[in-house]
Amino acid sequence: MSCPPRRGFAIILAIAMMALASATIVVLTRQLGFEVTRTRLAVTDAQLRQLLVAGGRDAVAHAREWGKEAGVSDWQIDLPQPLKTQGATLMLGSRPVSPTMAEIRMDAQIEDRKISQTLHFSHAAGGWAPTDAELGR
């Protein structure tokens, strides 16, 4: 007497393997989407940091124009057209903190991503010089 073939077990095993392969494809697709988003945000964050570097140079130049007292002013850096197309802005504002201390706050933005930095300046015999920086989000 011979046993009938076990086709049911093979079909169940094939269905389980297909389910496992489908789940793996879904997980890998989601992970790829996360990586694409993370890479795009990393590029934007690097560009924001570059805007702060450019703003820092402008802030130091602005502080050199102060006399004995720091001035209160707000201004915007004119950015290249490719950055403007991305919705980038770089705003700066200065204010005195004390007779010998002042700060310039820089706010950079590209689309919905923002970063800010405050540069602190002190006045000495040689004029206004940056003393430290404070990064914010």
Protein backbone atom coordinates (compact mmCIF):
# COMPACT_ATOMS: atom_id res chain seq x y z
CA MET A 1 0.00 0.00 0.00
CA SER A 2 1.43 3.31 -1.01
CA CYS A 3 0.88 6.68 0.66
CA PRO A 4 -0.84 9.38 -1.33
CA PRO A 5 1.40 12.33 -2.30
CA ARG A 6 1.49 15.22 0.17
CA ARG A 7 0.71 18.13 -2.09
CA GLY A 8 -0.99 20.14 0.66
CA PHE A 9 2.24 20.54 2.63
CA ALA A 10 4.12 21.83 -0.42
CA ILE A 11 1.38 24.35 -1.19
CA ILE A 12 1.32 25.64 2.39
CA LEU A 13 5.10 25.92 2.37
CA ALA A 14 5.02 27.83 -0.95
CA ILE A 15 2.38 30.24 0.37
CA ALA A 16 4.41 30.85 3.54
CA MET A 17 7.55 31.55 1.47
CA MET A 18 5.63 33.99 -0.74
CA ALA A 19 4.27 35.77 2.35
CA LEU A 20 7.76 36.04 3.79
CA ALA A 21 9.14 37.40 0.52
CA SER A 22 6.28 39.94 0.29
CA ALA A 23 6.86 41.13 3.85
CA THR A 24 10.58 41.50 3.14
CA ILE A 25 9.87 43.59 0.04
CA VAL A 26 7.52 45.87 2.02
CA VAL A 27 10.11 46.38 4.77
CA LEU A 28 12.91 47.09 2.30
CA THR A 29 10.74 49.54 0.36
CA ARG A 30 9.86 51.45 3.54
CA GLN A 31 13.50 51.49 4.61
CA LEU A 32 14.53 52.85 1.21
CA GLY A 33 11.94 55.61 1.57
CA PHE A 34 13.31 56.53 5.00
CA GLU A 35 16.86 56.63 3.66
CA VAL A 36 15.87 58.89 0.75
CA THR A 37 14.15 61.30 3.15
CA ARG A 38 17.10 61.24 5.57
CA THR A 39 19.55 61.95 2.75
CA ARG A 40 17.45 64.85 1.45
CA LEU A 41 17.24 66.34 4.96
CA ALA A 42 21.00 65.91 5.45
CA VAL A 43 21.63 67.91 2.28
CA THR A 44 19.25 70.65 3.45
CA ASP A 45 20.86 70.74 6.91
CA ALA A 46 24.32 71.07 5.36
CA GLN A 47 23.07 73.97 3.25
CA LEU A 48 21.59 75.61 6.36
CA ARG A 49 24.95 75.37 8.11
CA GLN A 50 26.60 76.96 5.07
CA LEU A 51 24.09 79.82 5.28
CA LEU A 52 25.13 80.35 8.91
CA VAL A 53 28.78 80.47 7.87
CA ALA A 54 27.96 83.13 5.28
CA GLY A 55 25.87 84.99 7.85
CA GLY A 56 28.73 84.85 10.35
CA ARG A 57 31.07 86.53 7.90
CA ASP A 58 28.49 89.25 7.26
CA ALA A 59 27.84 89.65 11.00
CA VAL A 60 31.54 90.20 11.74
CA ALA A 61 31.76 92.74 8.91
CA HIS A 62 28.65 94.47 10.27
CA ALA A 63 30.09 94.60 13.80
CA ARG A 64 33.30 96.21 12.51
CA GLU A 65 31.18 99.15 11.33
CA TRP A 66 29.91 99.83 14.83
CA GLY A 67 31.49 102.69 16.66
CA LYS A 68 31.87 102.64 20.40
CA GLU A 69 28.29 101.42 20.83
CA ALA A 70 26.60 98.52 19.09
CA GLY A 71 23.63 99.37 16.96
CA VAL A 72 20.20 97.81 16.78
CA SER A 73 19.36 96.70 13.27
CA ASP A 74 17.76 93.92 11.26
CA TRP A 75 18.77 92.94 7.76
CA GLN A 76 18.48 90.15 5.25
CA ILE A 77 21.29 88.65 3.20
CA ASP A 78 20.62 88.64 -0.54
CA LEU A 79 21.08 85.01 -1.53
CA PRO A 80 21.85 83.54 -4.97
CA GLN A 81 18.85 82.72 -7.15
CA PRO A 82 19.15 78.90 -6.80
CA LEU A 83 18.80 79.26 -3.02
CA LYS A 84 15.90 81.69 -3.38
CA THR A 85 14.19 79.14 -5.62
CA GLN A 86 14.46 76.61 -2.78
CA GLY A 87 12.78 79.11 -0.44
CA ALA A 88 15.98 79.95 1.43
CA THR A 89 16.25 83.05 3.62
CA LEU A 90 18.95 84.39 5.94
CA MET A 91 17.89 87.08 8.41
CA LEU A 92 20.22 88.81 10.87
CA GLY A 93 19.49 91.10 13.78
CA SER A 94 21.85 92.92 16.13
CA ARG A 95 21.25 94.35 19.57
CA PRO A 96 23.43 95.61 22.41
CA VAL A 97 23.48 93.55 25.59
CA SER A 98 25.60 95.97 27.63
CA PRO A 99 27.87 98.91 26.79
CA THR A 100 30.69 96.50 25.89
CA MET A 101 28.70 93.43 24.79
CA ALA A 102 26.41 92.85 21.82
CA GLU A 103 24.90 89.96 19.93
CA ILE A 104 23.84 89.22 16.38
CA ARG A 105 21.22 86.55 15.84
CA MET A 106 21.13 84.73 12.50
CA ASP A 107 18.06 82.81 11.33
CA ALA A 108 18.45 80.60 8.27
CA GLN A 109 15.55 78.79 6.64
CA ILE A 110 15.09 76.52 3.64
CA GLU A 111 11.49 75.45 3.05
CA ASP A 112 10.29 74.17 6.43
CA ARG A 113 13.76 73.55 7.94
CA LYS A 114 15.20 76.26 10.21
CA ILE A 115 18.36 76.84 12.18
CA SER A 116 19.59 79.80 14.18
CA GLN A 117 22.83 80.97 15.72
CA THR A 118 23.69 83.85 18.00
CA LEU A 119 27.13 85.43 17.82
CA HIS A 120 28.31 87.31 20.90
CA PHE A 121 30.65 90.29 20.50
CA SER A 122 32.71 92.28 22.98
CA HIS A 123 34.17 95.74 22.57
CA ALA A 124 37.83 96.36 23.34
CA ALA A 125 40.37 98.93 22.29
CA GLY A 126 40.63 97.32 18.84
CA GLY A 127 36.88 97.46 18.20
CA TRP A 128 34.18 94.82 18.23
CA ALA A 129 35.28 91.18 18.07
CA PRO A 130 33.33 87.91 18.28
CA THR A 131 33.76 86.07 21.56
CA ASP A 132 31.55 83.00 21.15
CA ALA A 133 28.63 81.50 19.30
CA GLU A 134 25.49 79.73 20.44
CA LEU A 135 23.72 77.37 18.07
CA GLY A 136 19.96 76.98 18.30
CA ARG A 137 17.24 75.20 16.36
